[in-house]
Amino acid sequence: MFMFMKSSMCKISRVDDEHHHHHHHHKVEDKKKENTSSSCKSLTVWRKSLLFSCQGFTVIGSDGNLAYRVESYIKHPNEIILMDGSGKPILTICRHKKLVGLSESWFIYEGEPKHSSSSTLSSSNKPLCHVRKHHNILLQNNLNILAYIYLGVSDKRHTYIIEGSYSNRSCKILDEKRRVVAEIKKKQDITKGVSYGSEVFVLIVSPGFDCGLAMAIILLLDQMFS
């Protein structure tokens, strides 16, 4: 089944790479940057799981190989695990919902956090960062903002901001100097002018920004706006 899906994805994985040559030096605590390089990376994201019984994502690299995969599990419905192509957990996204809806946050942890007997995250797990959805109740002039990204658990100052429209697959992740570190774009066949709709799109990651983290942010946006 995977060979068929890989073959299908390879046919649509060639994109017109638009390079963003802005370098930034922010680090997400001690997160290793195995997925970074000196040039922009382009990933084709398919909003479909490799498993028929699950919902999720399949991500193909520019080389046509499986880069990331996501499957949703019933056991922990408020958690999403991002895996590499071999199925090894890279990041876990957890939804933290408080009594007040405006305080809802999504936390990103490295690897697959251990759970207590109550199936909740152990207090020993420290998040790499967390994301808060932007609400337009008071700041009507910032309708383009989707969410804020904070390092660790502090809410004092956001490090990144997400702007655009996820439903239209047109988003940018910007650093504090408003440099684009990652971008979501619609997938199109340049030669034929064909769009693949909202289920298949492109993630372009700039040098110095972690590809896994960029993909985790896509999963958050999908939770927030789907």
Protein backbone atom coordinates (compact mmCIF):
# COMPACT_ATOMS: atom_id res chain seq x y z
CA MET A 1 0.00 0.00 0.00
CA PHE A 2 2.77 2.42 0.90
CA MET A 3 4.54 1.87 -2.43
CA PHE A 4 1.35 2.87 -4.21
CA MET A 5 0.92 5.95 -2.03
CA LYS A 6 4.59 6.87 -2.40
CA SER A 7 4.32 6.56 -6.17
CA SER A 8 1.26 8.78 -6.15
CA MET A 9 2.94 11.36 -3.96
CA CYS A 10 6.10 11.38 -6.07
CA LYS A 11 4.05 12.49 -9.05
CA ILE A 12 2.93 15.59 -7.16
CA SER A 13 6.01 16.22 -5.02
CA ARG A 14 7.91 18.38 -7.51
CA VAL A 15 7.24 22.02 -6.71
CA ASP A 16 8.55 25.40 -7.71
CA ASP A 17 10.73 26.02 -4.63
CA GLU A 18 10.56 29.65 -3.57
CA HIS A 19 13.61 30.14 -1.35
CA HIS A 20 13.59 32.45 1.64
CA HIS A 21 17.28 33.29 2.27
CA HIS A 22 16.77 34.76 5.72
CA HIS A 23 18.86 33.12 8.44
CA HIS A 24 17.77 33.30 12.07
CA HIS A 25 19.46 32.07 15.22
CA HIS A 26 16.59 31.24 17.56
CA LYS A 27 16.76 27.84 19.25
CA VAL A 28 13.87 25.95 20.79
CA GLU A 29 15.64 25.22 24.08
CA ASP A 30 17.83 22.11 23.59
CA LYS A 31 15.95 20.79 20.54
CA LYS A 32 18.48 19.21 18.23
CA LYS A 33 18.34 20.38 14.63
CA GLU A 34 18.85 17.19 12.72
CA ASN A 35 16.36 18.33 10.09
CA THR A 36 18.00 21.66 9.22
CA SER A 37 20.34 22.42 6.35
CA SER A 38 21.96 25.32 4.50
CA SER A 39 19.11 25.49 1.97
CA CYS A 40 15.34 25.65 2.12
CA LYS A 41 13.47 22.37 2.31
CA SER A 42 10.25 21.66 0.51
CA LEU A 43 7.88 18.97 1.80
CA THR A 44 4.66 17.74 0.25
CA VAL A 45 2.01 17.27 2.93
CA TRP A 46 -0.88 14.89 2.30
CA ARG A 47 -3.73 15.11 4.77
CA LYS A 48 -4.17 11.35 4.85
CA SER A 49 -2.85 8.59 7.10
CA LEU A 50 -0.96 5.56 5.82
CA LEU A 51 -3.40 3.44 7.84
CA PHE A 52 -6.98 3.04 6.66
CA SER A 53 -8.32 2.98 10.23
CA CYS A 54 -6.71 6.28 11.28
CA GLN A 55 -6.81 9.94 10.45
CA GLY A 56 -3.50 11.67 10.00
CA PHE A 57 -0.87 13.00 7.63
CA THR A 58 1.70 11.63 5.22
CA VAL A 59 4.66 13.88 4.41
CA ILE A 60 6.95 13.29 1.44
CA GLY A 61 10.35 14.94 0.99
CA SER A 62 11.67 16.43 -2.25
CA ASP A 63 13.55 13.15 -2.80
CA GLY A 64 10.27 11.24 -2.93
CA ASN A 65 10.86 9.41 0.36
CA LEU A 66 8.58 9.35 3.37
CA ALA A 67 9.73 12.11 5.75
CA TYR A 68 7.01 12.20 8.42
CA ARG A 69 3.79 10.42 9.28
CA VAL A 70 0.95 11.00 11.71
CA GLU A 71 -1.78 8.69 12.92
CA SER A 72 -4.50 9.60 15.40
CA TYR A 73 -5.09 7.17 18.25
CA ILE A 74 -8.27 6.83 20.27
CA LYS A 75 -6.41 6.12 23.54
CA HIS A 76 -5.17 9.72 23.84
CA PRO A 77 -7.56 11.86 21.74
CA ASN A 78 -5.96 15.10 22.96
CA GLU A 79 -2.50 14.04 21.76
CA ILE A 80 -0.98 13.83 18.31
CA ILE A 81 2.36 12.11 17.75
CA LEU A 82 4.56 13.20 14.86
CA MET A 83 6.75 10.32 13.66
CA ASP A 84 9.62 10.13 11.20
CA GLY A 85 9.44 7.92 8.13
CA SER A 86 10.39 4.81 10.12
CA GLY A 87 7.67 5.37 12.71
CA LYS A 88 9.89 6.75 15.50
CA PRO A 89 8.12 9.43 17.61
CA ILE A 90 9.74 12.85 17.16
CA LEU A 91 7.31 15.28 18.76
CA THR A 92 4.06 15.02 20.69
CA ILE A 93 1.40 17.74 20.49
CA CYS A 94 -0.94 17.97 23.49
CA ARG A 95 -4.02 20.09 23.89
CA HIS A 96 -4.38 21.79 27.28
CA LYS A 97 -7.91 23.06 27.77
CA LYS A 98 -8.78 25.23 30.75
CA LEU A 99 -12.15 26.34 32.03
CA VAL A 100 -11.94 29.60 30.12
CA GLY A 101 -11.91 28.96 26.38
CA LEU A 102 -9.49 31.80 25.68
CA SER A 103 -6.82 30.07 27.76
CA GLU A 104 -6.67 27.01 25.52
CA SER A 105 -3.13 26.10 24.48
CA TRP A 106 -1.29 23.42 22.55
CA PHE A 107 2.04 22.18 23.94
CA ILE A 108 4.79 20.53 21.90
CA TYR A 109 7.00 17.94 23.63
CA GLU A 110 10.09 16.18 22.33
CA GLY A 111 9.64 12.48 21.64
CA GLU A 112 6.76 10.54 23.14
CA PRO A 113 6.09 11.71 26.74
CA LYS A 114 5.45 9.15 29.46
CA HIS A 115 2.00 9.01 31.00
CA SER A 116 0.86 8.42 34.51
CA SER A 117 -1.69 5.75 35.43
CA SER A 118 -4.46 8.25 34.67
CA SER A 119 -3.27 8.54 31.02
CA THR A 120 -2.22 12.15 31.57
CA LEU A 121 1.19 13.58 30.92
CA SER A 122 3.70 13.20 33.71
CA SER A 123 4.70 16.46 35.41
CA SER A 124 8.34 15.67 34.60
CA ASN A 125 7.77 16.40 30.92
CA LYS A 126 8.92 19.86 29.89
CA PRO A 127 7.45 21.30 26.68
CA LEU A 128 9.71 22.69 23.98
CA CYS A 129 7.14 25.37 23.25
CA HIS A 130 3.44 26.08 23.30
CA VAL A 131 1.04 27.74 20.92
CA ARG A 132 -1.94 29.96 21.66
CA LYS A 133 -4.67 30.62 19.15
CA HIS A 134 -5.26 34.30 18.42
CA HIS A 135 -8.73 35.61 19.26
CA ASN A 136 -10.09 38.68 17.48
CA ILE A 137 -12.44 39.91 20.20
CA LEU A 138 -10.44 43.02 21.09
CA LEU A 139 -7.79 43.32 18.36
CA GLN A 140 -9.90 43.64 15.25
CA ASN A 141 -6.98 45.16 13.34
CA ASN A 142 -5.00 41.91 13.53
CA LEU A 143 -7.39 39.64 11.68
CA ASN A 144 -4.49 38.12 9.75
CA ILE A 145 -2.88 36.64 12.89
CA LEU A 146 -3.67 32.99 13.54
CA ALA A 147 -1.56 32.07 16.57
CA TYR A 148 1.47 32.88 18.74
CA ILE A 149 4.35 30.52 19.54
CA TYR A 150 6.10 30.74 22.92
CA LEU A 151 9.26 28.94 23.97
CA GLY A 152 8.85 26.68 27.00
CA VAL A 153 5.85 27.42 29.19
CA SER A 154 6.28 31.18 29.55
CA ASP A 155 3.63 33.51 28.14
CA LYS A 156 5.68 36.67 28.64
CA ARG A 157 6.73 37.13 25.03
CA HIS A 158 6.05 35.14 21.89
CA THR A 159 9.00 34.13 19.72
CA TYR A 160 7.10 33.38 16.54
CA ILE A 161 3.80 34.45 15.04
CA ILE A 162 1.63 32.66 12.50
CA GLU A 163 -0.24 34.71 9.91
CA GLY A 164 -2.47 33.92 6.97
CA SER A 165 -5.28 31.45 6.35
CA TYR A 166 -4.91 27.76 7.06
CA SER A 167 -8.21 26.90 5.38
CA ASN A 168 -6.79 28.43 2.19
CA ARG A 169 -3.42 26.72 2.81
CA SER A 170 -1.65 30.06 2.80
CA CYS A 171 0.26 30.66 6.06
CA LYS A 172 3.60 32.06 7.15
CA ILE A 173 5.53 31.54 10.38
CA LEU A 174 7.45 34.71 11.20
CA ASP A 175 10.20 35.32 13.75
CA GLU A 176 10.56 38.40 15.94
CA LYS A 177 12.07 40.36 13.04
CA ARG A 178 9.21 39.26 10.78
CA ARG A 179 11.43 37.01 8.71
CA VAL A 180 9.68 34.00 7.17
CA VAL A 181 10.98 30.78 8.75
CA ALA A 182 8.35 28.46 7.28
CA GLU A 183 5.48 28.77 4.83
CA ILE A 184 2.44 26.75 3.81
CA LYS A 185 1.33 27.04 0.20
CA LYS A 186 -1.17 25.37 -2.07
CA LYS A 187 0.16 22.56 -4.21
CA GLN A 188 -0.04 23.29 -7.90
CA ASP A 189 1.13 21.70 -11.11
CA ILE A 190 3.00 24.63 -12.65
CA THR A 191 2.98 23.23 -16.16
CA LYS A 192 -0.77 22.54 -16.21
CA GLY A 193 -1.96 25.11 -13.68
CA VAL A 194 -3.76 22.41 -11.69
CA SER A 195 -4.39 22.78 -7.95
CA TYR A 196 -4.61 19.70 -5.73
CA GLY A 197 -7.11 21.22 -3.32
CA SER A 198 -6.74 21.48 0.45
CA GLU A 199 -5.76 17.85 1.11
CA VAL A 200 -2.33 18.17 -0.55
CA PHE A 201 -0.15 21.21 0.05
CA VAL A 202 3.46 22.33 0.36
CA LEU A 203 5.52 23.16 3.45
CA ILE A 204 8.65 25.23 2.75
CA VAL A 205 11.11 25.47 5.65
CA SER A 206 13.89 28.07 5.71
CA PRO A 207 17.49 27.28 6.77
CA GLY A 208 17.97 27.12 10.54
CA PHE A 209 14.35 26.25 11.38
CA ASP A 210 13.53 22.69 12.41
CA CYS A 211 11.42 20.81 9.84
CA GLY A 212 9.83 18.63 12.51
CA LEU A 213 8.72 21.67 14.50
CA ALA A 214 7.29 23.26 11.35
CA MET A 215 5.29 20.09 10.70
CA ALA A 216 4.09 20.02 14.32
CA ILE A 217 2.80 23.57 13.88
CA ILE A 218 0.81 22.41 10.85
CA LEU A 219 -0.82 19.77 13.03
CA LEU A 220 -1.75 22.48 15.53
CA LEU A 221 -3.23 24.68 12.84
CA ASP A 222 -5.24 21.73 11.59
CA GLN A 223 -6.60 21.24 15.11
CA MET A 224 -7.40 24.92 15.49
CA PHE A 225 -9.02 25.64 12.15
CA SER A 226 -10.39 22.36 10.76
